[in-house]
Amino acid sequence: MDLSQLKPPAGQTRNKKRIGRGMGSGHGKTSGRGMKGQHAISGFSQKRGFEGGQMPLHRRMPKRGFNNIFRKEYAVLNVSRLNDLPGDSFSPEIIEQTAVLKNLKDGLKILGNGEITRPIHVKAHAFTEQAAAKIKAAGGTVEVIEVVVAPIKRAKKTPRA
């Protein structure tokens, strides 16, 4: 079989609709846009999901569950991956420099998947119990970094005169 001889099945391809090429073409004058109206005007565009003023589907659907706006999303790293990295001391900054993780998000969390065969010192924002136990069993140390949360600034109320 020669790839240069492949053709689509009969009836699959159509000619391009040539708009604005005179009345004889069937797409002259208004060029398939009809008479007046917002769709007929040049430069018309509409937002995704717009349904002509009707309440859009994504707003008609019921919301489910609870979305915690204060949720912390951690970048995760397994113990087995730490075992493969060179060096014996790891912190979020070092891990980001070695390009193991591109985005630390709200912090670094160490997970306990895999085995560790050498003593290492790890600084992270969170550890699973299994990960901390494996690192300590191999003779390493675990240090939890506290996440600094900026206080919410509220506008002071001014007394009325």
N, C-alpha and C. Protein backbone atom coordinates (compact mmCIF):
# COMPACT_ATOMS: atom_id res chain seq x y z
N MET A 1 0.85 -1.19 0.00
CA MET A 1 0.00 0.00 0.00
C MET A 1 0.89 1.24 0.00
N ASP A 2 0.53 2.19 -0.86
CA ASP A 2 1.28 3.43 -0.97
C ASP A 2 0.45 4.55 -0.35
N LEU A 3 1.00 5.25 0.67
CA LEU A 3 0.25 6.28 1.38
C LEU A 3 -0.14 7.44 0.48
N SER A 4 0.60 7.66 -0.62
CA SER A 4 0.28 8.77 -1.51
C SER A 4 -0.96 8.48 -2.36
N GLN A 5 -1.41 7.25 -2.38
CA GLN A 5 -2.58 6.90 -3.19
C GLN A 5 -3.86 6.79 -2.36
N LEU A 6 -3.78 7.05 -1.05
CA LEU A 6 -4.97 6.96 -0.21
C LEU A 6 -5.93 8.10 -0.55
N LYS A 7 -7.23 7.79 -0.60
CA LYS A 7 -8.26 8.77 -0.88
C LYS A 7 -9.42 8.53 0.07
N PRO A 8 -10.14 9.60 0.45
CA PRO A 8 -11.30 9.40 1.32
C PRO A 8 -12.42 8.68 0.57
N PRO A 9 -13.35 8.04 1.30
CA PRO A 9 -14.46 7.35 0.64
C PRO A 9 -15.31 8.30 -0.17
N ALA A 10 -16.03 7.77 -1.14
CA ALA A 10 -16.87 8.59 -2.01
C ALA A 10 -17.95 9.27 -1.18
N GLY A 11 -18.13 10.57 -1.40
CA GLY A 11 -19.17 11.32 -0.70
C GLY A 11 -18.71 11.92 0.63
N GLN A 12 -17.50 11.62 1.06
CA GLN A 12 -17.05 12.15 2.35
C GLN A 12 -16.60 13.61 2.26
N THR A 13 -15.95 13.97 1.18
CA THR A 13 -15.46 15.34 1.04
C THR A 13 -16.48 16.21 0.30
N ARG A 14 -16.53 17.48 0.68
CA ARG A 14 -17.43 18.41 0.02
C ARG A 14 -16.63 19.63 -0.40
N ASN A 15 -17.15 20.35 -1.37
CA ASN A 15 -16.52 21.60 -1.78
C ASN A 15 -16.81 22.66 -0.73
N LYS A 16 -15.87 23.61 -0.58
CA LYS A 16 -16.03 24.70 0.37
C LYS A 16 -17.18 25.60 -0.06
N LYS A 17 -17.97 26.08 0.94
CA LYS A 17 -19.08 27.00 0.64
C LYS A 17 -18.48 28.36 0.30
N ARG A 18 -18.63 28.81 -0.97
CA ARG A 18 -18.07 30.10 -1.39
C ARG A 18 -19.12 31.17 -1.18
N ILE A 19 -18.89 32.02 -0.18
CA ILE A 19 -19.88 33.00 0.26
C ILE A 19 -19.62 34.35 -0.40
N GLY A 20 -20.70 35.05 -0.75
CA GLY A 20 -20.59 36.40 -1.30
C GLY A 20 -20.07 36.44 -2.71
N ARG A 21 -20.44 35.46 -3.52
CA ARG A 21 -19.97 35.41 -4.90
C ARG A 21 -21.12 35.56 -5.90
N GLY A 22 -22.10 36.39 -5.55
CA GLY A 22 -23.19 36.68 -6.48
C GLY A 22 -24.43 35.84 -6.23
N MET A 23 -25.56 36.32 -6.78
CA MET A 23 -26.85 35.68 -6.53
C MET A 23 -26.91 34.27 -7.12
N GLY A 24 -26.22 34.04 -8.22
CA GLY A 24 -26.28 32.72 -8.86
C GLY A 24 -25.65 31.62 -8.01
N SER A 25 -24.80 31.98 -7.08
CA SER A 25 -24.13 30.95 -6.27
C SER A 25 -25.03 30.38 -5.19
N GLY A 26 -26.12 31.11 -4.87
CA GLY A 26 -26.99 30.67 -3.79
C GLY A 26 -26.55 31.20 -2.44
N HIS A 27 -25.37 31.84 -2.39
CA HIS A 27 -24.87 32.41 -1.14
C HIS A 27 -24.45 33.86 -1.36
N GLY A 28 -25.22 34.58 -2.17
CA GLY A 28 -24.92 35.98 -2.43
C GLY A 28 -25.68 36.88 -1.48
N LYS A 29 -25.67 38.14 -1.74
CA LYS A 29 -26.36 39.17 -0.98
C LYS A 29 -26.06 39.08 0.51
N THR A 30 -26.84 38.36 1.30
CA THR A 30 -26.61 38.33 2.76
C THR A 30 -25.62 37.24 3.17
N SER A 31 -25.13 36.48 2.21
CA SER A 31 -24.08 35.47 2.45
C SER A 31 -24.44 34.46 3.54
N GLY A 32 -25.68 34.01 3.55
CA GLY A 32 -26.09 32.97 4.48
C GLY A 32 -26.35 33.47 5.89
N ARG A 33 -26.33 34.81 6.10
CA ARG A 33 -26.53 35.36 7.45
C ARG A 33 -27.96 35.82 7.70
N GLY A 34 -28.81 35.76 6.71
CA GLY A 34 -30.19 36.20 6.90
C GLY A 34 -30.31 37.70 6.87
N MET A 35 -31.49 38.18 7.26
CA MET A 35 -31.77 39.61 7.21
C MET A 35 -31.65 40.22 8.60
N LYS A 36 -30.81 41.19 8.77
CA LYS A 36 -30.63 41.93 10.03
C LYS A 36 -30.35 40.99 11.22
N GLY A 37 -30.49 41.48 12.42
CA GLY A 37 -30.26 40.67 13.61
C GLY A 37 -28.80 40.66 14.04
N GLN A 38 -28.56 40.26 15.29
CA GLN A 38 -27.20 40.34 15.84
C GLN A 38 -26.22 39.42 15.10
N HIS A 39 -26.71 38.32 14.54
CA HIS A 39 -25.81 37.39 13.85
C HIS A 39 -25.38 37.92 12.48
N ALA A 40 -26.16 38.85 11.90
CA ALA A 40 -25.88 39.34 10.56
C ALA A 40 -24.79 40.41 10.55
N ILE A 41 -24.55 41.04 11.70
CA ILE A 41 -23.64 42.17 11.75
C ILE A 41 -22.18 41.69 11.69
N SER A 42 -21.34 42.43 10.99
CA SER A 42 -19.94 42.06 10.88
C SER A 42 -19.24 42.18 12.23
N GLY A 43 -18.34 41.28 12.51
CA GLY A 43 -17.62 41.30 13.78
C GLY A 43 -18.39 40.63 14.90
N PHE A 44 -19.48 39.95 14.58
CA PHE A 44 -20.29 39.31 15.62
C PHE A 44 -19.52 38.15 16.26
N SER A 45 -19.55 38.11 17.59
CA SER A 45 -19.03 36.95 18.31
C SER A 45 -19.84 36.84 19.59
N GLN A 46 -19.96 35.63 20.12
CA GLN A 46 -20.70 35.48 21.36
C GLN A 46 -19.95 34.56 22.32
N LYS A 47 -20.24 34.71 23.60
CA LYS A 47 -19.54 33.96 24.63
C LYS A 47 -19.88 32.48 24.54
N ARG A 48 -18.93 31.64 24.99
CA ARG A 48 -19.20 30.21 25.03
C ARG A 48 -20.39 29.94 25.93
N GLY A 49 -21.28 29.07 25.51
CA GLY A 49 -22.41 28.69 26.34
C GLY A 49 -23.58 29.64 26.27
N PHE A 50 -23.48 30.73 25.47
CA PHE A 50 -24.58 31.69 25.38
C PHE A 50 -25.75 31.04 24.67
N GLU A 51 -26.95 31.17 25.26
CA GLU A 51 -28.12 30.52 24.70
C GLU A 51 -29.21 31.54 24.37
N GLY A 52 -28.81 32.70 23.86
CA GLY A 52 -29.77 33.69 23.42
C GLY A 52 -30.51 34.37 24.56
N GLY A 53 -29.91 34.43 25.72
CA GLY A 53 -30.56 35.07 26.87
C GLY A 53 -31.20 34.07 27.81
N GLN A 54 -31.44 32.85 27.31
CA GLN A 54 -31.94 31.78 28.19
C GLN A 54 -30.85 31.42 29.18
N MET A 55 -31.24 31.00 30.37
CA MET A 55 -30.26 30.63 31.39
C MET A 55 -29.39 29.49 30.85
N PRO A 56 -28.06 29.68 30.76
CA PRO A 56 -27.20 28.66 30.16
C PRO A 56 -27.20 27.35 30.94
N LEU A 57 -26.91 26.28 30.25
CA LEU A 57 -26.95 24.95 30.83
C LEU A 57 -26.05 24.84 32.06
N HIS A 58 -24.84 25.41 31.98
CA HIS A 58 -23.91 25.28 33.10
C HIS A 58 -24.40 26.02 34.34
N ARG A 59 -25.31 26.96 34.18
CA ARG A 59 -25.90 27.66 35.34
C ARG A 59 -27.20 27.01 35.78
N ARG A 60 -27.82 26.22 34.91
CA ARG A 60 -29.06 25.52 35.28
C ARG A 60 -28.76 24.25 36.08
N MET A 61 -27.55 23.70 35.89
CA MET A 61 -27.21 22.44 36.56
C MET A 61 -27.01 22.67 38.05
N PRO A 62 -27.45 21.74 38.90
CA PRO A 62 -27.26 21.92 40.34
C PRO A 62 -25.81 21.74 40.73
N LYS A 63 -25.40 22.48 41.76
CA LYS A 63 -24.04 22.33 42.26
C LYS A 63 -24.01 21.14 43.20
N ARG A 64 -22.88 20.44 43.23
CA ARG A 64 -22.77 19.25 44.08
C ARG A 64 -21.59 19.41 45.01
N GLY A 65 -21.77 18.95 46.25
CA GLY A 65 -20.64 18.88 47.17
C GLY A 65 -20.25 20.22 47.75
N PHE A 66 -19.03 20.25 48.26
CA PHE A 66 -18.51 21.42 48.95
C PHE A 66 -17.14 21.73 48.39
N ASN A 67 -16.91 22.97 48.00
CA ASN A 67 -15.61 23.38 47.50
C ASN A 67 -14.95 24.29 48.53
N ASN A 68 -13.96 23.77 49.20
CA ASN A 68 -13.27 24.51 50.24
C ASN A 68 -12.31 25.51 49.61
N ILE A 69 -12.55 26.79 49.81
CA ILE A 69 -11.68 27.80 49.20
C ILE A 69 -10.34 27.91 49.91
N PHE A 70 -10.22 27.33 51.11
CA PHE A 70 -8.97 27.38 51.87
C PHE A 70 -8.16 26.09 51.71
N ARG A 71 -8.57 25.21 50.79
CA ARG A 71 -7.92 23.92 50.59
C ARG A 71 -6.46 24.10 50.18
N LYS A 72 -5.58 23.28 50.74
CA LYS A 72 -4.17 23.28 50.39
C LYS A 72 -3.94 22.17 49.36
N GLU A 73 -3.32 22.52 48.26
CA GLU A 73 -3.00 21.52 47.24
C GLU A 73 -1.49 21.37 47.19
N TYR A 74 -1.03 20.18 47.57
CA TYR A 74 0.41 19.93 47.68
C TYR A 74 0.96 19.28 46.41
N ALA A 75 2.22 19.58 46.12
CA ALA A 75 2.96 18.83 45.11
C ALA A 75 3.46 17.58 45.82
N VAL A 76 3.28 16.41 45.25
CA VAL A 76 3.62 15.17 45.94
C VAL A 76 4.85 14.50 45.34
N LEU A 77 5.60 13.81 46.21
CA LEU A 77 6.81 13.11 45.79
C LEU A 77 6.91 11.84 46.62
N ASN A 78 7.18 10.72 45.97
CA ASN A 78 7.28 9.44 46.68
C ASN A 78 8.68 9.22 47.23
N VAL A 79 8.75 8.38 48.26
CA VAL A 79 10.02 8.03 48.91
C VAL A 79 10.95 7.37 47.90
N SER A 80 10.40 6.54 47.01
CA SER A 80 11.23 5.85 46.01
C SER A 80 11.93 6.85 45.09
N ARG A 81 11.28 7.96 44.78
CA ARG A 81 11.88 8.99 43.91
C ARG A 81 13.02 9.69 44.64
N LEU A 82 12.85 9.93 45.97
CA LEU A 82 13.92 10.54 46.76
C LEU A 82 15.14 9.62 46.81
N ASN A 83 14.89 8.30 46.84
CA ASN A 83 15.97 7.32 46.89
C ASN A 83 16.82 7.37 45.63
N ASP A 84 16.19 7.71 44.48
CA ASP A 84 16.90 7.74 43.19
C ASP A 84 17.69 9.04 42.98
N LEU A 85 17.34 10.10 43.72
CA LEU A 85 18.00 11.39 43.53
C LEU A 85 19.37 11.43 44.20
N PRO A 86 20.33 12.14 43.60
CA PRO A 86 21.64 12.25 44.24
C PRO A 86 21.58 13.21 45.43
N GLY A 87 22.47 13.00 46.41
CA GLY A 87 22.50 13.86 47.59
C GLY A 87 21.85 13.19 48.78
N ASP A 88 22.05 13.80 49.96
CA ASP A 88 21.48 13.20 51.17
C ASP A 88 20.61 14.17 51.94
N SER A 89 20.42 15.39 51.43
CA SER A 89 19.58 16.37 52.08
C SER A 89 18.64 16.99 51.04
N PHE A 90 17.35 17.00 51.36
CA PHE A 90 16.36 17.50 50.41
C PHE A 90 15.43 18.50 51.07
N SER A 91 15.14 19.58 50.35
CA SER A 91 14.17 20.59 50.77
C SER A 91 13.36 20.96 49.53
N PRO A 92 12.24 21.66 49.68
CA PRO A 92 11.46 22.05 48.51
C PRO A 92 12.26 22.83 47.48
N GLU A 93 13.16 23.71 47.94
CA GLU A 93 13.96 24.52 47.02
C GLU A 93 14.92 23.63 46.21
N ILE A 94 15.57 22.68 46.89
CA ILE A 94 16.51 21.78 46.21
C ILE A 94 15.78 20.91 45.19
N ILE A 95 14.62 20.41 45.58
CA ILE A 95 13.84 19.54 44.68
C ILE A 95 13.37 20.32 43.46
N GLU A 96 12.99 21.59 43.65
CA GLU A 96 12.56 22.42 42.52
C GLU A 96 13.73 22.73 41.59
N GLN A 97 14.94 22.93 42.15
CA GLN A 97 16.13 23.21 41.32
C GLN A 97 16.55 22.00 40.50
N THR A 98 16.35 20.78 41.04
CA THR A 98 16.72 19.57 40.29
C THR A 98 15.69 19.23 39.23
N ALA A 99 14.63 20.05 39.12
CA ALA A 99 13.57 19.89 38.10
C ALA A 99 12.80 18.60 38.24
N VAL A 100 12.73 18.05 39.45
CA VAL A 100 11.89 16.89 39.69
C VAL A 100 10.43 17.33 39.69
N LEU A 101 10.16 18.47 40.32
CA LEU A 101 8.83 19.06 40.33
C LEU A 101 8.91 20.45 39.74
N LYS A 102 7.97 20.78 38.87
CA LYS A 102 7.98 22.10 38.24
C LYS A 102 7.24 23.13 39.08
N ASN A 103 6.17 22.69 39.76
CA ASN A 103 5.34 23.62 40.51
C ASN A 103 5.07 23.06 41.90
N LEU A 104 5.51 23.77 42.93
CA LEU A 104 5.32 23.30 44.30
C LEU A 104 3.93 23.58 44.85
N LYS A 105 3.11 24.34 44.14
CA LYS A 105 1.75 24.68 44.55
C LYS A 105 1.77 25.28 45.96
N ASP A 106 1.04 24.65 46.92
CA ASP A 106 0.98 25.19 48.29
C ASP A 106 2.04 24.58 49.19
N GLY A 107 2.85 23.69 48.69
CA GLY A 107 3.88 23.05 49.51
C GLY A 107 4.23 21.68 48.97
N LEU A 108 5.14 21.01 49.65
CA LEU A 108 5.61 19.69 49.24
C LEU A 108 5.16 18.65 50.24
N LYS A 109 4.59 17.55 49.74
CA LYS A 109 4.18 16.45 50.60
C LYS A 109 4.91 15.19 50.14
N ILE A 110 5.49 14.47 51.10
CA ILE A 110 6.22 13.23 50.81
C ILE A 110 5.30 12.05 51.08
N LEU A 111 5.15 11.19 50.07
CA LEU A 111 4.30 10.00 50.18
C LEU A 111 5.17 8.77 50.40
N GLY A 112 4.57 7.70 50.93
CA GLY A 112 5.33 6.52 51.34
C GLY A 112 5.42 5.40 50.33
N ASN A 113 5.20 5.65 49.06
CA ASN A 113 5.26 4.58 48.06
C ASN A 113 6.71 4.26 47.70
N GLY A 114 7.09 3.00 47.77
CA GLY A 114 8.45 2.57 47.42
C GLY A 114 9.31 2.35 48.65
N GLU A 115 10.57 2.05 48.39
CA GLU A 115 11.52 1.75 49.48
C GLU A 115 12.66 2.76 49.46
N ILE A 116 13.28 2.92 50.63
CA ILE A 116 14.44 3.80 50.74
C ILE A 116 15.57 3.00 51.39
N THR A 117 16.77 3.10 50.81
CA THR A 117 17.87 2.24 51.26
C THR A 117 19.02 3.01 51.91
N ARG A 118 18.92 4.32 52.00
CA ARG A 118 20.02 5.11 52.56
C ARG A 118 19.46 6.20 53.47
N PRO A 119 20.26 6.67 54.42
CA PRO A 119 19.77 7.73 55.31
C PRO A 119 19.77 9.09 54.60
N ILE A 120 18.65 9.77 54.66
CA ILE A 120 18.54 11.10 54.05
C ILE A 120 17.84 12.04 55.02
N HIS A 121 18.08 13.33 54.84
CA HIS A 121 17.41 14.36 55.64
C HIS A 121 16.43 15.08 54.72
N VAL A 122 15.14 15.08 55.09
CA VAL A 122 14.11 15.65 54.22
C VAL A 122 13.34 16.75 54.96
N LYS A 123 13.24 17.92 54.32
CA LYS A 123 12.40 19.01 54.80
C LYS A 123 11.22 19.12 53.84
N ALA A 124 10.01 19.08 54.38
CA ALA A 124 8.81 19.21 53.54
C ALA A 124 7.68 19.80 54.37
N HIS A 125 6.62 20.21 53.70
CA HIS A 125 5.48 20.80 54.40
C HIS A 125 4.57 19.75 55.01
N ALA A 126 4.60 18.52 54.48
CA ALA A 126 3.77 17.45 55.03
C ALA A 126 4.37 16.10 54.66
N PHE A 127 4.13 15.11 55.53
CA PHE A 127 4.58 13.74 55.32
C PHE A 127 3.42 12.81 55.64
N THR A 128 3.32 11.69 54.92
CA THR A 128 2.39 10.66 55.36
C THR A 128 3.09 9.88 56.47
N GLU A 129 2.32 9.19 57.31
CA GLU A 129 2.90 8.42 58.42
C GLU A 129 3.86 7.37 57.88
N GLN A 130 3.47 6.72 56.80
CA GLN A 130 4.28 5.65 56.21
C GLN A 130 5.60 6.21 55.68
N ALA A 131 5.57 7.38 55.04
CA ALA A 131 6.79 7.97 54.49
C ALA A 131 7.74 8.34 55.61
N ALA A 132 7.23 8.98 56.68
CA ALA A 132 8.08 9.36 57.80
C ALA A 132 8.69 8.13 58.46
N ALA A 133 7.91 7.06 58.60
CA ALA A 133 8.41 5.83 59.22
C ALA A 133 9.52 5.19 58.38
N LYS A 134 9.36 5.19 57.05
CA LYS A 134 10.37 4.59 56.17
C LYS A 134 11.68 5.38 56.20
N ILE A 135 11.57 6.71 56.20
CA ILE A 135 12.78 7.55 56.22
C ILE A 135 13.52 7.37 57.54
N LYS A 136 12.78 7.33 58.66
CA LYS A 136 13.40 7.15 59.97
C LYS A 136 14.00 5.75 60.12
N ALA A 137 13.33 4.74 59.56
CA ALA A 137 13.83 3.37 59.63
C ALA A 137 15.15 3.21 58.87
N ALA A 138 15.33 4.01 57.82
CA ALA A 138 16.57 3.95 57.03
C ALA A 138 17.68 4.77 57.68
N GLY A 139 17.39 5.41 58.82
CA GLY A 139 18.40 6.21 59.52
C GLY A 139 18.37 7.68 59.17
N GLY A 140 17.36 8.12 58.47
CA GLY A 140 17.26 9.52 58.07
C GLY A 140 16.45 10.34 59.05
N THR A 141 16.30 11.63 58.74
CA THR A 141 15.51 12.51 59.59
C THR A 141 14.44 13.22 58.78
N VAL A 142 13.35 13.58 59.47
CA VAL A 142 12.20 14.23 58.85
C VAL A 142 11.97 15.56 59.55
N GLU A 143 11.83 16.65 58.75
CA GLU A 143 11.58 17.96 59.33
C GLU A 143 10.38 18.59 58.63
N VAL A 144 9.37 18.96 59.43
CA VAL A 144 8.16 19.56 58.88
C VAL A 144 8.33 21.07 58.85
N ILE A 145 8.11 21.66 57.66
CA ILE A 145 8.19 23.11 57.49
C ILE A 145 6.79 23.67 57.71
N GLU A 146 6.69 24.67 58.57
CA GLU A 146 5.39 25.29 58.82
C GLU A 146 5.03 26.19 57.64
N VAL A 147 3.78 26.11 57.22
CA VAL A 147 3.29 26.96 56.14
C VAL A 147 2.87 28.28 56.74
N VAL A 148 3.43 29.37 56.24
CA VAL A 148 3.09 30.70 56.73
C VAL A 148 1.87 31.20 55.97
N VAL A 149 0.79 31.46 56.71
CA VAL A 149 -0.44 31.94 56.10
C VAL A 149 -0.56 33.43 56.38
N ALA A 150 -0.71 34.21 55.33
CA ALA A 150 -0.84 35.66 55.48
C ALA A 150 -2.20 35.97 56.08
N PRO A 151 -2.25 36.86 57.08
CA PRO A 151 -3.54 37.21 57.68
C PRO A 151 -4.42 37.96 56.69
N ILE A 152 -5.72 37.78 56.82
CA ILE A 152 -6.66 38.46 55.94
C ILE A 152 -6.78 39.91 56.40
N LYS A 153 -6.55 40.84 55.48
CA LYS A 153 -6.64 42.27 55.82
C LYS A 153 -8.08 42.73 55.62
N ARG A 154 -8.62 43.27 56.68
CA ARG A 154 -9.98 43.78 56.60
C ARG A 154 -9.94 45.31 56.68
N ALA A 155 -10.83 45.93 55.98
CA ALA A 155 -10.89 47.39 55.99
C ALA A 155 -11.41 47.85 57.35
N LYS A 156 -10.75 48.86 57.88
CA LYS A 156 -11.17 49.40 59.18
C LYS A 156 -12.42 50.25 58.99
N LYS A 157 -13.34 50.11 59.93
CA LYS A 157 -14.54 50.92 59.87
C LYS A 157 -14.25 52.30 60.44
N THR A 158 -14.67 53.29 59.71
CA THR A 158 -14.46 54.66 60.19
C THR A 158 -15.72 55.12 60.91
N PRO A 159 -15.54 55.78 62.06
CA PRO A 159 -16.73 56.25 62.79
C PRO A 159 -17.48 57.32 62.00
N ARG A 160 -18.78 57.27 62.11
CA ARG A 160 -19.61 58.26 61.39
C ARG A 160 -19.60 59.58 62.14
N ALA A 161 -19.59 60.66 61.41
CA ALA A 161 -19.56 61.98 62.03
C ALA A 161 -20.95 62.44 62.42
